[in-house]
Amino acid sequence: MTGVVDSVRALTFRPDFSVREIPAPASLAPEAYAIAGDVRPESDGADSEYGTGRLIVLHDPSEPDAWGGPWRIVCFAQAPLEPEIGTDPLLADVAWSWLVDALEARGAAFHSASGTATKTLSKGFGGLAGEGDGAQIELRASWSPAGGSGGDGDIAAQVDIAAQVDAWAELVCMLAGLPPESEGIAVFRGRRSTRG
């Protein structure tokens, strides 16, 4: 796992996306490494109001049947939306397609993918009525990087997992409304709208 961790640490992310290491759950695999990412965070360690995500790289040399190999990636990404966007019936499909497109654009081969895309609409009442209507998209997914068999020193697996992590970062930014691979462009949808 050391080589994989080093390859992820060597990644450079766009300046409006902050990534930090977080404790990895110990019960999912013999080895795990986890990171969190936030779009334009106001402070380190706090979830961003624009969009946030988590990613865990799992390694199990016994190659669990459901994984189809020794590596598994588990990710979570969420972002607030304008209510009008949250009612789009194709929103969940689009969120999933953005993940697949981001992986494919980086040549990050994968298999055994599964996940859920959830959209939530909310309306404040009483003391929260001033917050107005809101919406949120959340994607939870897992997949196995293709070709990652072999020991920890497998360079191909390390490079592939770095590409997988880069694709996840792109997904979080896209859900937050940032154009793909661009820098310094304002978020065109992100904060919950409020009624005056």
N, C-alpha and C. Protein backbone atom coordinates (compact mmCIF):
# COMPACT_ATOMS: atom_id res chain seq x y z
N MET A 1 0.82 -1.21 0.00
CA MET A 1 0.00 0.00 0.00
C MET A 1 0.86 1.26 0.00
N THR A 2 2.09 1.16 0.46
CA THR A 2 2.95 2.34 0.55
C THR A 2 3.14 3.01 -0.80
N GLY A 3 3.38 2.21 -1.86
CA GLY A 3 3.57 2.79 -3.18
C GLY A 3 2.33 3.49 -3.69
N VAL A 4 1.16 2.93 -3.39
CA VAL A 4 -0.10 3.55 -3.81
C VAL A 4 -0.30 4.87 -3.08
N VAL A 5 -0.06 4.88 -1.78
CA VAL A 5 -0.19 6.10 -0.99
C VAL A 5 0.75 7.18 -1.53
N ASP A 6 1.98 6.79 -1.83
CA ASP A 6 2.94 7.76 -2.38
C ASP A 6 2.46 8.33 -3.71
N SER A 7 1.87 7.47 -4.56
CA SER A 7 1.42 7.96 -5.87
C SER A 7 0.24 8.92 -5.73
N VAL A 8 -0.63 8.67 -4.74
CA VAL A 8 -1.75 9.58 -4.51
C VAL A 8 -1.24 10.90 -3.93
N ARG A 9 -0.30 10.80 -3.01
CA ARG A 9 0.26 12.02 -2.41
C ARG A 9 0.98 12.88 -3.44
N ALA A 10 1.47 12.27 -4.51
CA ALA A 10 2.19 13.01 -5.54
C ALA A 10 1.26 13.72 -6.52
N LEU A 11 -0.03 13.42 -6.46
CA LEU A 11 -0.98 14.06 -7.38
C LEU A 11 -1.09 15.55 -7.10
N THR A 12 -1.29 16.31 -8.15
CA THR A 12 -1.55 17.74 -8.03
C THR A 12 -3.00 17.98 -8.42
N PHE A 13 -3.75 18.61 -7.55
CA PHE A 13 -5.16 18.88 -7.80
C PHE A 13 -5.35 20.34 -8.17
N ARG A 14 -6.44 20.65 -8.82
CA ARG A 14 -6.72 22.03 -9.20
C ARG A 14 -6.77 22.90 -7.95
N PRO A 15 -6.43 24.18 -8.08
CA PRO A 15 -6.30 25.04 -6.90
C PRO A 15 -7.60 25.27 -6.13
N ASP A 16 -8.75 25.08 -6.77
CA ASP A 16 -10.01 25.29 -6.06
C ASP A 16 -10.55 24.00 -5.43
N PHE A 17 -9.69 22.96 -5.34
CA PHE A 17 -10.07 21.70 -4.72
C PHE A 17 -9.00 21.31 -3.71
N SER A 18 -9.38 21.27 -2.44
CA SER A 18 -8.45 20.99 -1.36
C SER A 18 -8.60 19.54 -0.91
N VAL A 19 -7.48 18.80 -0.88
CA VAL A 19 -7.49 17.38 -0.51
C VAL A 19 -6.65 17.18 0.74
N ARG A 20 -7.14 16.35 1.65
CA ARG A 20 -6.42 16.03 2.87
C ARG A 20 -6.60 14.55 3.20
N GLU A 21 -5.66 13.98 3.90
CA GLU A 21 -5.77 12.60 4.35
C GLU A 21 -6.66 12.56 5.59
N ILE A 22 -7.45 11.50 5.67
CA ILE A 22 -8.32 11.29 6.82
C ILE A 22 -8.14 9.85 7.30
N PRO A 23 -8.55 9.53 8.53
CA PRO A 23 -8.42 8.15 9.00
C PRO A 23 -9.26 7.20 8.13
N ALA A 24 -8.67 6.08 7.77
CA ALA A 24 -9.38 5.09 6.97
C ALA A 24 -10.06 4.08 7.89
N PRO A 25 -11.26 3.62 7.51
CA PRO A 25 -11.92 2.60 8.33
C PRO A 25 -11.09 1.32 8.34
N ALA A 26 -10.94 0.73 9.51
CA ALA A 26 -10.09 -0.45 9.65
C ALA A 26 -10.80 -1.75 9.32
N SER A 27 -12.12 -1.72 9.23
CA SER A 27 -12.88 -2.97 9.10
C SER A 27 -13.18 -3.39 7.66
N LEU A 28 -12.84 -2.57 6.67
CA LEU A 28 -13.22 -2.88 5.30
C LEU A 28 -12.22 -3.76 4.56
N ALA A 29 -10.94 -3.68 4.92
CA ALA A 29 -9.90 -4.44 4.23
C ALA A 29 -8.65 -4.47 5.12
N PRO A 30 -7.74 -5.40 4.85
CA PRO A 30 -6.49 -5.42 5.63
C PRO A 30 -5.69 -4.13 5.53
N GLU A 31 -5.76 -3.46 4.38
CA GLU A 31 -5.08 -2.18 4.21
C GLU A 31 -6.05 -1.18 3.59
N ALA A 32 -5.99 0.06 4.07
CA ALA A 32 -6.88 1.09 3.53
C ALA A 32 -6.21 2.45 3.67
N TYR A 33 -6.53 3.31 2.73
CA TYR A 33 -6.02 4.69 2.73
C TYR A 33 -7.18 5.58 2.32
N ALA A 34 -7.40 6.68 3.05
CA ALA A 34 -8.55 7.52 2.78
C ALA A 34 -8.17 9.00 2.67
N ILE A 35 -8.89 9.68 1.79
CA ILE A 35 -8.72 11.12 1.62
C ILE A 35 -10.10 11.78 1.56
N ALA A 36 -10.10 13.07 1.84
CA ALA A 36 -11.30 13.88 1.71
C ALA A 36 -10.97 15.06 0.82
N GLY A 37 -11.95 15.52 0.06
CA GLY A 37 -11.73 16.66 -0.81
C GLY A 37 -12.89 17.63 -0.72
N ASP A 38 -12.57 18.91 -0.77
CA ASP A 38 -13.59 19.95 -0.69
C ASP A 38 -13.35 21.01 -1.75
N VAL A 39 -14.43 21.47 -2.37
CA VAL A 39 -14.37 22.52 -3.37
C VAL A 39 -14.41 23.87 -2.65
N ARG A 40 -13.36 24.65 -2.84
CA ARG A 40 -13.27 25.99 -2.26
C ARG A 40 -13.66 26.02 -0.77
N PRO A 41 -12.98 25.25 0.05
CA PRO A 41 -13.35 25.24 1.47
C PRO A 41 -12.99 26.56 2.15
N GLU A 42 -13.81 26.95 3.12
CA GLU A 42 -13.52 28.17 3.88
C GLU A 42 -12.48 27.90 4.95
N SER A 43 -12.42 26.64 5.42
CA SER A 43 -11.39 26.26 6.39
C SER A 43 -11.05 24.79 6.19
N ASP A 44 -9.80 24.45 6.46
CA ASP A 44 -9.37 23.06 6.31
C ASP A 44 -10.06 22.19 7.34
N GLY A 45 -10.44 20.99 6.90
CA GLY A 45 -11.07 20.04 7.81
C GLY A 45 -12.57 20.19 7.92
N ALA A 46 -13.16 21.18 7.29
CA ALA A 46 -14.60 21.36 7.33
C ALA A 46 -15.18 21.14 5.94
N ASP A 47 -16.32 20.46 5.88
CA ASP A 47 -16.96 20.22 4.59
C ASP A 47 -17.31 21.55 3.93
N SER A 48 -17.09 21.61 2.65
CA SER A 48 -17.36 22.83 1.89
C SER A 48 -18.84 22.96 1.58
N GLU A 49 -19.32 24.18 1.53
CA GLU A 49 -20.72 24.41 1.15
C GLU A 49 -20.92 24.23 -0.35
N TYR A 50 -19.83 24.18 -1.12
CA TYR A 50 -19.94 24.01 -2.57
C TYR A 50 -19.99 22.55 -2.99
N GLY A 51 -19.21 21.72 -2.35
CA GLY A 51 -19.17 20.31 -2.69
C GLY A 51 -18.06 19.62 -1.90
N THR A 52 -18.29 18.37 -1.56
CA THR A 52 -17.34 17.62 -0.74
C THR A 52 -17.34 16.16 -1.15
N GLY A 53 -16.29 15.46 -0.82
CA GLY A 53 -16.23 14.05 -1.16
C GLY A 53 -15.23 13.31 -0.28
N ARG A 54 -15.34 11.99 -0.29
CA ARG A 54 -14.42 11.11 0.42
C ARG A 54 -14.06 9.98 -0.53
N LEU A 55 -12.86 9.48 -0.42
CA LEU A 55 -12.42 8.35 -1.23
C LEU A 55 -11.55 7.45 -0.37
N ILE A 56 -11.80 6.14 -0.49
CA ILE A 56 -11.02 5.15 0.24
C ILE A 56 -10.45 4.16 -0.77
N VAL A 57 -9.14 3.93 -0.69
CA VAL A 57 -8.49 2.90 -1.49
C VAL A 57 -8.31 1.70 -0.56
N LEU A 58 -8.87 0.56 -0.97
CA LEU A 58 -8.79 -0.66 -0.18
C LEU A 58 -7.88 -1.67 -0.86
N HIS A 59 -7.14 -2.43 -0.07
CA HIS A 59 -6.28 -3.48 -0.61
C HIS A 59 -6.46 -4.75 0.23
N ASP A 60 -6.77 -5.83 -0.45
CA ASP A 60 -6.91 -7.14 0.19
C ASP A 60 -6.27 -8.17 -0.72
N PRO A 61 -5.09 -8.71 -0.35
CA PRO A 61 -4.40 -9.68 -1.20
C PRO A 61 -5.20 -10.95 -1.46
N SER A 62 -6.21 -11.24 -0.63
CA SER A 62 -7.02 -12.45 -0.84
C SER A 62 -7.99 -12.30 -2.01
N GLU A 63 -8.07 -11.09 -2.60
CA GLU A 63 -8.91 -10.81 -3.76
C GLU A 63 -10.36 -11.28 -3.56
N PRO A 64 -11.13 -10.58 -2.74
CA PRO A 64 -12.53 -10.97 -2.50
C PRO A 64 -13.29 -11.13 -3.82
N ASP A 65 -14.18 -12.11 -3.86
CA ASP A 65 -14.92 -12.41 -5.09
C ASP A 65 -15.66 -11.18 -5.63
N ALA A 66 -16.28 -10.42 -4.75
CA ALA A 66 -17.06 -9.26 -5.19
C ALA A 66 -16.16 -8.19 -5.82
N TRP A 67 -14.89 -8.15 -5.43
CA TRP A 67 -13.96 -7.16 -5.97
C TRP A 67 -13.40 -7.58 -7.32
N GLY A 68 -13.16 -8.87 -7.50
CA GLY A 68 -12.54 -9.35 -8.73
C GLY A 68 -11.08 -8.95 -8.84
N GLY A 69 -10.41 -8.73 -7.73
CA GLY A 69 -9.01 -8.34 -7.69
C GLY A 69 -8.64 -7.89 -6.29
N PRO A 70 -7.39 -7.45 -6.09
CA PRO A 70 -6.95 -7.08 -4.75
C PRO A 70 -7.27 -5.64 -4.34
N TRP A 71 -7.72 -4.80 -5.28
CA TRP A 71 -7.96 -3.39 -4.99
C TRP A 71 -9.44 -3.04 -5.15
N ARG A 72 -9.89 -2.12 -4.34
CA ARG A 72 -11.26 -1.59 -4.46
C ARG A 72 -11.22 -0.12 -4.09
N ILE A 73 -11.98 0.67 -4.82
CA ILE A 73 -12.13 2.10 -4.53
C ILE A 73 -13.57 2.32 -4.07
N VAL A 74 -13.73 3.04 -2.98
CA VAL A 74 -15.05 3.41 -2.48
C VAL A 74 -15.07 4.93 -2.41
N CYS A 75 -16.11 5.54 -2.97
CA CYS A 75 -16.15 7.00 -2.94
C CYS A 75 -17.53 7.53 -2.61
N PHE A 76 -17.52 8.76 -2.18
CA PHE A 76 -18.71 9.51 -1.83
C PHE A 76 -18.49 10.92 -2.35
N ALA A 77 -19.51 11.51 -2.93
CA ALA A 77 -19.43 12.90 -3.39
C ALA A 77 -20.81 13.54 -3.25
N GLN A 78 -20.84 14.77 -2.80
CA GLN A 78 -22.12 15.48 -2.69
C GLN A 78 -21.93 16.96 -2.95
N ALA A 79 -23.01 17.57 -3.40
CA ALA A 79 -22.98 19.02 -3.66
C ALA A 79 -24.39 19.56 -3.61
N PRO A 80 -24.55 20.80 -3.14
CA PRO A 80 -25.85 21.45 -3.18
C PRO A 80 -26.18 21.89 -4.60
N LEU A 81 -27.45 22.01 -4.88
CA LEU A 81 -27.93 22.40 -6.20
C LEU A 81 -29.00 23.46 -6.07
N GLU A 82 -29.25 24.15 -7.14
CA GLU A 82 -30.43 25.00 -7.20
C GLU A 82 -31.65 24.08 -7.25
N PRO A 83 -32.76 24.44 -6.60
CA PRO A 83 -33.93 23.56 -6.59
C PRO A 83 -34.41 23.14 -7.98
N GLU A 84 -34.31 24.05 -8.96
CA GLU A 84 -34.78 23.71 -10.31
C GLU A 84 -33.97 22.56 -10.90
N ILE A 85 -32.67 22.55 -10.62
CA ILE A 85 -31.82 21.47 -11.11
C ILE A 85 -32.13 20.18 -10.37
N GLY A 86 -32.42 20.28 -9.08
CA GLY A 86 -32.72 19.10 -8.27
C GLY A 86 -33.96 18.35 -8.71
N THR A 87 -34.86 19.01 -9.42
CA THR A 87 -36.08 18.32 -9.88
C THR A 87 -35.89 17.64 -11.23
N ASP A 88 -34.76 17.80 -11.85
CA ASP A 88 -34.50 17.17 -13.16
C ASP A 88 -34.55 15.65 -13.01
N PRO A 89 -35.42 14.96 -13.74
CA PRO A 89 -35.54 13.51 -13.59
C PRO A 89 -34.29 12.74 -14.02
N LEU A 90 -33.42 13.35 -14.80
CA LEU A 90 -32.22 12.67 -15.27
C LEU A 90 -30.98 12.99 -14.42
N LEU A 91 -31.15 13.75 -13.35
CA LEU A 91 -30.02 14.20 -12.55
C LEU A 91 -29.18 13.03 -12.03
N ALA A 92 -29.81 12.01 -11.47
CA ALA A 92 -29.06 10.88 -10.93
C ALA A 92 -28.28 10.17 -12.03
N ASP A 93 -28.90 10.00 -13.20
CA ASP A 93 -28.20 9.36 -14.32
C ASP A 93 -27.00 10.18 -14.76
N VAL A 94 -27.15 11.50 -14.78
CA VAL A 94 -26.06 12.38 -15.19
C VAL A 94 -24.91 12.28 -14.18
N ALA A 95 -25.23 12.25 -12.89
CA ALA A 95 -24.17 12.15 -11.87
C ALA A 95 -23.36 10.87 -12.06
N TRP A 96 -24.04 9.75 -12.30
CA TRP A 96 -23.33 8.49 -12.51
C TRP A 96 -22.50 8.56 -13.79
N SER A 97 -23.06 9.14 -14.84
CA SER A 97 -22.32 9.21 -16.11
C SER A 97 -21.08 10.09 -15.97
N TRP A 98 -21.13 11.13 -15.12
CA TRP A 98 -19.95 11.96 -14.91
C TRP A 98 -18.82 11.15 -14.28
N LEU A 99 -19.15 10.25 -13.35
CA LEU A 99 -18.13 9.40 -12.75
C LEU A 99 -17.51 8.50 -13.82
N VAL A 100 -18.33 7.83 -14.58
CA VAL A 100 -17.84 6.93 -15.62
C VAL A 100 -17.01 7.70 -16.65
N ASP A 101 -17.51 8.86 -17.08
CA ASP A 101 -16.79 9.68 -18.05
C ASP A 101 -15.43 10.14 -17.51
N ALA A 102 -15.39 10.53 -16.23
CA ALA A 102 -14.13 10.98 -15.63
C ALA A 102 -13.11 9.85 -15.58
N LEU A 103 -13.57 8.64 -15.24
CA LEU A 103 -12.67 7.49 -15.23
C LEU A 103 -12.16 7.19 -16.63
N GLU A 104 -13.07 7.16 -17.59
CA GLU A 104 -12.67 6.84 -18.96
C GLU A 104 -11.76 7.90 -19.56
N ALA A 105 -11.99 9.17 -19.24
CA ALA A 105 -11.17 10.25 -19.79
C ALA A 105 -9.72 10.15 -19.31
N ARG A 106 -9.51 9.52 -18.16
CA ARG A 106 -8.16 9.38 -17.63
C ARG A 106 -7.56 8.01 -17.94
N GLY A 107 -8.27 7.20 -18.71
CA GLY A 107 -7.77 5.86 -19.01
C GLY A 107 -7.71 4.98 -17.79
N ALA A 108 -8.54 5.28 -16.79
CA ALA A 108 -8.56 4.52 -15.54
C ALA A 108 -9.50 3.32 -15.71
N ALA A 109 -8.93 2.21 -16.19
CA ALA A 109 -9.74 1.01 -16.43
C ALA A 109 -10.33 0.50 -15.11
N PHE A 110 -11.57 0.06 -15.17
CA PHE A 110 -12.25 -0.40 -13.96
C PHE A 110 -13.28 -1.46 -14.31
N HIS A 111 -13.74 -2.17 -13.30
CA HIS A 111 -14.80 -3.16 -13.47
C HIS A 111 -15.54 -3.31 -12.14
N SER A 112 -16.60 -4.08 -12.13
CA SER A 112 -17.40 -4.36 -10.93
C SER A 112 -17.88 -3.09 -10.24
N ALA A 113 -18.32 -2.13 -11.02
CA ALA A 113 -18.79 -0.86 -10.46
C ALA A 113 -20.21 -1.00 -9.92
N SER A 114 -20.47 -0.32 -8.84
CA SER A 114 -21.82 -0.26 -8.28
C SER A 114 -21.96 1.05 -7.52
N GLY A 115 -23.20 1.46 -7.32
CA GLY A 115 -23.38 2.70 -6.58
C GLY A 115 -24.80 3.19 -6.61
N THR A 116 -25.00 4.31 -5.93
CA THR A 116 -26.30 4.97 -5.91
C THR A 116 -26.10 6.47 -6.10
N ALA A 117 -27.05 7.08 -6.76
CA ALA A 117 -27.09 8.53 -6.88
C ALA A 117 -28.42 8.96 -6.29
N THR A 118 -28.35 9.86 -5.34
CA THR A 118 -29.54 10.29 -4.61
C THR A 118 -29.68 11.80 -4.73
N LYS A 119 -30.86 12.24 -5.09
CA LYS A 119 -31.13 13.68 -5.09
C LYS A 119 -32.14 13.95 -3.99
N THR A 120 -31.93 15.05 -3.28
CA THR A 120 -32.77 15.41 -2.16
C THR A 120 -33.29 16.82 -2.35
N LEU A 121 -34.58 17.01 -2.15
CA LEU A 121 -35.19 18.34 -2.18
C LEU A 121 -35.59 18.68 -0.76
N SER A 122 -35.38 19.93 -0.35
CA SER A 122 -35.75 20.31 1.01
C SER A 122 -36.45 21.66 1.02
N LYS A 123 -37.27 21.83 2.05
CA LYS A 123 -38.00 23.08 2.24
C LYS A 123 -37.98 23.37 3.74
N GLY A 124 -37.57 24.59 4.09
CA GLY A 124 -37.50 24.96 5.50
C GLY A 124 -38.84 25.44 6.03
N PHE A 125 -39.10 25.13 7.30
CA PHE A 125 -40.32 25.57 7.98
C PHE A 125 -39.97 26.14 9.34
N GLY A 126 -40.85 26.94 9.90
CA GLY A 126 -40.64 27.51 11.22
C GLY A 126 -39.38 28.36 11.23
N GLY A 127 -38.48 28.07 12.16
CA GLY A 127 -37.25 28.82 12.28
C GLY A 127 -36.31 28.67 11.09
N LEU A 128 -36.53 27.65 10.27
CA LEU A 128 -35.68 27.42 9.10
C LEU A 128 -36.34 27.88 7.80
N ALA A 129 -37.50 28.50 7.90
CA ALA A 129 -38.22 28.93 6.69
C ALA A 129 -37.40 29.93 5.88
N GLY A 130 -36.59 30.73 6.54
CA GLY A 130 -35.78 31.72 5.85
C GLY A 130 -34.71 31.13 4.95
N GLU A 131 -34.39 29.86 5.17
CA GLU A 131 -33.37 29.22 4.33
C GLU A 131 -33.89 28.90 2.93
N GLY A 132 -35.20 28.92 2.77
CA GLY A 132 -35.78 28.67 1.45
C GLY A 132 -35.69 27.21 1.02
N ASP A 133 -35.97 26.99 -0.25
CA ASP A 133 -35.91 25.65 -0.81
C ASP A 133 -34.46 25.32 -1.17
N GLY A 134 -34.16 24.04 -1.16
CA GLY A 134 -32.81 23.61 -1.51
C GLY A 134 -32.84 22.23 -2.14
N ALA A 135 -31.74 21.85 -2.71
CA ALA A 135 -31.60 20.53 -3.32
C ALA A 135 -30.15 20.09 -3.17
N GLN A 136 -29.95 18.79 -3.24
CA GLN A 136 -28.61 18.24 -3.10
C GLN A 136 -28.50 16.97 -3.92
N ILE A 137 -27.33 16.73 -4.49
CA ILE A 137 -27.05 15.47 -5.18
C ILE A 137 -25.95 14.76 -4.40
N GLU A 138 -26.10 13.45 -4.26
CA GLU A 138 -25.12 12.65 -3.53
C GLU A 138 -24.86 11.38 -4.32
N LEU A 139 -23.60 11.06 -4.51
CA LEU A 139 -23.22 9.85 -5.23
C LEU A 139 -22.34 9.00 -4.32
N ARG A 140 -22.72 7.74 -4.18
CA ARG A 140 -21.91 6.75 -3.45
C ARG A 140 -21.60 5.65 -4.45
N ALA A 141 -20.33 5.33 -4.59
CA ALA A 141 -19.95 4.36 -5.61
C ALA A 141 -18.73 3.56 -5.16
N SER A 142 -18.60 2.39 -5.76
CA SER A 142 -17.38 1.60 -5.57
C SER A 142 -17.09 0.87 -6.86
N TRP A 143 -15.82 0.60 -7.09
CA TRP A 143 -15.40 -0.11 -8.29
C TRP A 143 -14.01 -0.70 -8.04
N SER A 144 -13.62 -1.62 -8.90
CA SER A 144 -12.31 -2.23 -8.82
C SER A 144 -11.45 -1.75 -9.98
N PRO A 145 -10.27 -1.21 -9.69
CA PRO A 145 -9.37 -0.82 -10.77
C PRO A 145 -8.95 -2.07 -11.55
N ALA A 146 -8.98 -2.02 -12.86
CA ALA A 146 -8.59 -3.16 -13.68
C ALA A 146 -7.07 -3.25 -13.74
N GLY A 147 -6.58 -4.47 -13.74
CA GLY A 147 -5.15 -4.70 -13.90
C GLY A 147 -4.34 -4.54 -12.64
N GLY A 148 -4.96 -4.36 -11.51
CA GLY A 148 -4.22 -4.11 -10.27
C GLY A 148 -3.77 -5.35 -9.54
N SER A 149 -3.65 -6.50 -10.21
CA SER A 149 -3.21 -7.69 -9.50
C SER A 149 -1.71 -7.60 -9.25
N GLY A 150 -1.27 -8.34 -8.29
CA GLY A 150 0.15 -8.33 -7.95
C GLY A 150 0.37 -7.64 -6.63
N GLY A 151 1.59 -7.57 -6.20
CA GLY A 151 1.93 -7.04 -4.90
C GLY A 151 1.87 -5.52 -4.86
N ASP A 152 2.26 -5.02 -3.71
CA ASP A 152 2.22 -3.57 -3.49
C ASP A 152 3.17 -2.82 -4.43
N GLY A 153 4.19 -3.48 -4.91
CA GLY A 153 5.16 -2.82 -5.76
C GLY A 153 4.75 -2.73 -7.22
N ASP A 154 3.55 -3.17 -7.56
CA ASP A 154 3.08 -3.17 -8.94
C ASP A 154 2.88 -1.73 -9.41
N ILE A 155 3.80 -1.24 -10.25
CA ILE A 155 3.75 0.15 -10.72
C ILE A 155 2.47 0.42 -11.51
N ALA A 156 2.03 -0.55 -12.32
CA ALA A 156 0.81 -0.34 -13.11
C ALA A 156 -0.38 -0.08 -12.21
N ALA A 157 -0.47 -0.82 -11.10
CA ALA A 157 -1.58 -0.61 -10.18
C ALA A 157 -1.50 0.76 -9.54
N GLN A 158 -0.29 1.21 -9.19
CA GLN A 158 -0.14 2.51 -8.56
C GLN A 158 -0.56 3.63 -9.50
N VAL A 159 -0.13 3.56 -10.75
CA VAL A 159 -0.49 4.59 -11.72
C VAL A 159 -1.98 4.59 -11.96
N ASP A 160 -2.58 3.40 -12.08
CA ASP A 160 -4.01 3.30 -12.33
C ASP A 160 -4.80 3.87 -11.16
N ILE A 161 -4.39 3.57 -9.94
CA ILE A 161 -5.14 4.08 -8.79
C ILE A 161 -5.00 5.60 -8.71
N ALA A 162 -3.87 6.14 -9.06
CA ALA A 162 -3.73 7.60 -9.10
C ALA A 162 -4.71 8.19 -10.11
N ALA A 163 -4.89 7.53 -11.25
CA ALA A 163 -5.86 8.00 -12.25
C ALA A 163 -7.28 7.91 -11.70
N GLN A 164 -7.56 6.87 -10.93
CA GLN A 164 -8.88 6.71 -10.33
C GLN A 164 -9.16 7.85 -9.35
N VAL A 165 -8.16 8.19 -8.55
CA VAL A 165 -8.31 9.28 -7.58
C VAL A 165 -8.51 10.61 -8.30
N ASP A 166 -7.78 10.82 -9.37
CA ASP A 166 -7.92 12.04 -10.15
C ASP A 166 -9.33 12.14 -10.74
N ALA A 167 -9.89 11.02 -11.18
CA ALA A 167 -11.26 11.00 -11.72
C ALA A 167 -12.27 11.35 -10.63
N TRP A 168 -12.08 10.82 -9.42
CA TRP A 168 -12.97 11.15 -8.31
C TRP A 168 -12.93 12.66 -8.02
N ALA A 169 -11.73 13.24 -8.02
CA ALA A 169 -11.61 14.68 -7.77
C ALA A 169 -12.38 15.47 -8.82
N GLU A 170 -12.27 15.03 -10.07
CA GLU A 170 -13.01 15.70 -11.15
C GLU A 170 -14.52 15.59 -10.92
N LEU A 171 -14.98 14.43 -10.48
CA LEU A 171 -16.41 14.22 -10.21
C LEU A 171 -16.90 15.20 -9.14
N VAL A 172 -16.19 15.29 -8.03
CA VAL A 172 -16.61 16.19 -6.95
C VAL A 172 -16.72 17.62 -7.47
N CYS A 173 -15.73 18.04 -8.25
CA CYS A 173 -15.75 19.41 -8.79
C CYS A 173 -16.90 19.61 -9.77
N MET A 174 -17.17 18.62 -10.60
CA MET A 174 -18.28 18.75 -11.55
C MET A 174 -19.62 18.81 -10.84
N LEU A 175 -19.81 17.98 -9.80
CA LEU A 175 -21.06 18.03 -9.04
C LEU A 175 -21.24 19.40 -8.40
N ALA A 176 -20.13 20.04 -8.03
CA ALA A 176 -20.19 21.37 -7.41
C ALA A 176 -20.40 22.47 -8.44
N GLY A 177 -20.43 22.12 -9.73
CA GLY A 177 -20.71 23.10 -10.76
C GLY A 177 -19.49 23.67 -11.46
N LEU A 178 -18.31 23.14 -11.18
CA LEU A 178 -17.12 23.62 -11.86
C LEU A 178 -16.94 22.90 -13.20
N PRO A 179 -16.56 23.61 -14.22
CA PRO A 179 -16.33 22.96 -15.51
C PRO A 179 -15.17 21.97 -15.40
N PRO A 180 -15.15 20.95 -16.21
CA PRO A 180 -14.07 19.96 -16.16
C PRO A 180 -12.70 20.60 -16.41
N GLU A 181 -11.73 20.25 -15.56
CA GLU A 181 -10.33 20.63 -15.73
C GLU A 181 -10.12 22.11 -16.02
N SER A 182 -10.88 22.96 -15.40
CA SER A 182 -10.67 24.39 -15.58
C SER A 182 -10.31 25.00 -14.24
N GLU A 183 -9.69 26.15 -14.28
CA GLU A 183 -9.29 26.81 -13.06
C GLU A 183 -9.78 28.25 -13.07
N GLY A 184 -10.14 28.74 -11.91
CA GLY A 184 -10.47 30.14 -11.76
C GLY A 184 -11.79 30.56 -12.37
N ILE A 185 -12.69 29.62 -12.61
CA ILE A 185 -13.99 29.96 -13.17
C ILE A 185 -15.02 29.87 -12.05
N ALA A 186 -15.88 30.83 -11.95
CA ALA A 186 -16.85 30.88 -10.86
C ALA A 186 -17.81 29.70 -10.90
N VAL A 187 -18.25 29.30 -9.72
CA VAL A 187 -19.24 28.24 -9.63
C VAL A 187 -20.54 28.75 -10.22
N PHE A 188 -21.13 28.01 -11.15
CA PHE A 188 -22.36 28.48 -11.76
C PHE A 188 -23.60 27.88 -11.13
N ARG A 189 -23.43 26.93 -10.23
CA ARG A 189 -24.52 26.44 -9.39
C ARG A 189 -23.86 25.81 -8.19
N GLY A 190 -24.34 26.10 -7.03
CA GLY A 190 -23.67 25.52 -5.88
C GLY A 190 -24.38 25.81 -4.59
N ARG A 191 -24.49 27.06 -4.25
CA ARG A 191 -25.13 27.40 -2.97
C ARG A 191 -26.62 27.20 -3.06
N ARG A 192 -27.18 26.84 -1.92
CA ARG A 192 -28.63 26.77 -1.85
C ARG A 192 -29.19 28.15 -2.06
N SER A 193 -30.24 28.23 -2.81
CA SER A 193 -30.88 29.53 -2.98
C SER A 193 -31.65 29.87 -1.73
N THR A 194 -31.74 31.12 -1.42
CA THR A 194 -32.53 31.55 -0.27
C THR A 194 -33.56 32.56 -0.71
N ARG A 195 -34.66 32.52 -0.04
CA ARG A 195 -35.71 33.48 -0.36
C ARG A 195 -35.60 34.66 0.59
N GLY A 196 -35.79 35.86 0.08
CA GLY A 196 -35.69 37.06 0.90
C GLY A 196 -36.95 37.44 1.57
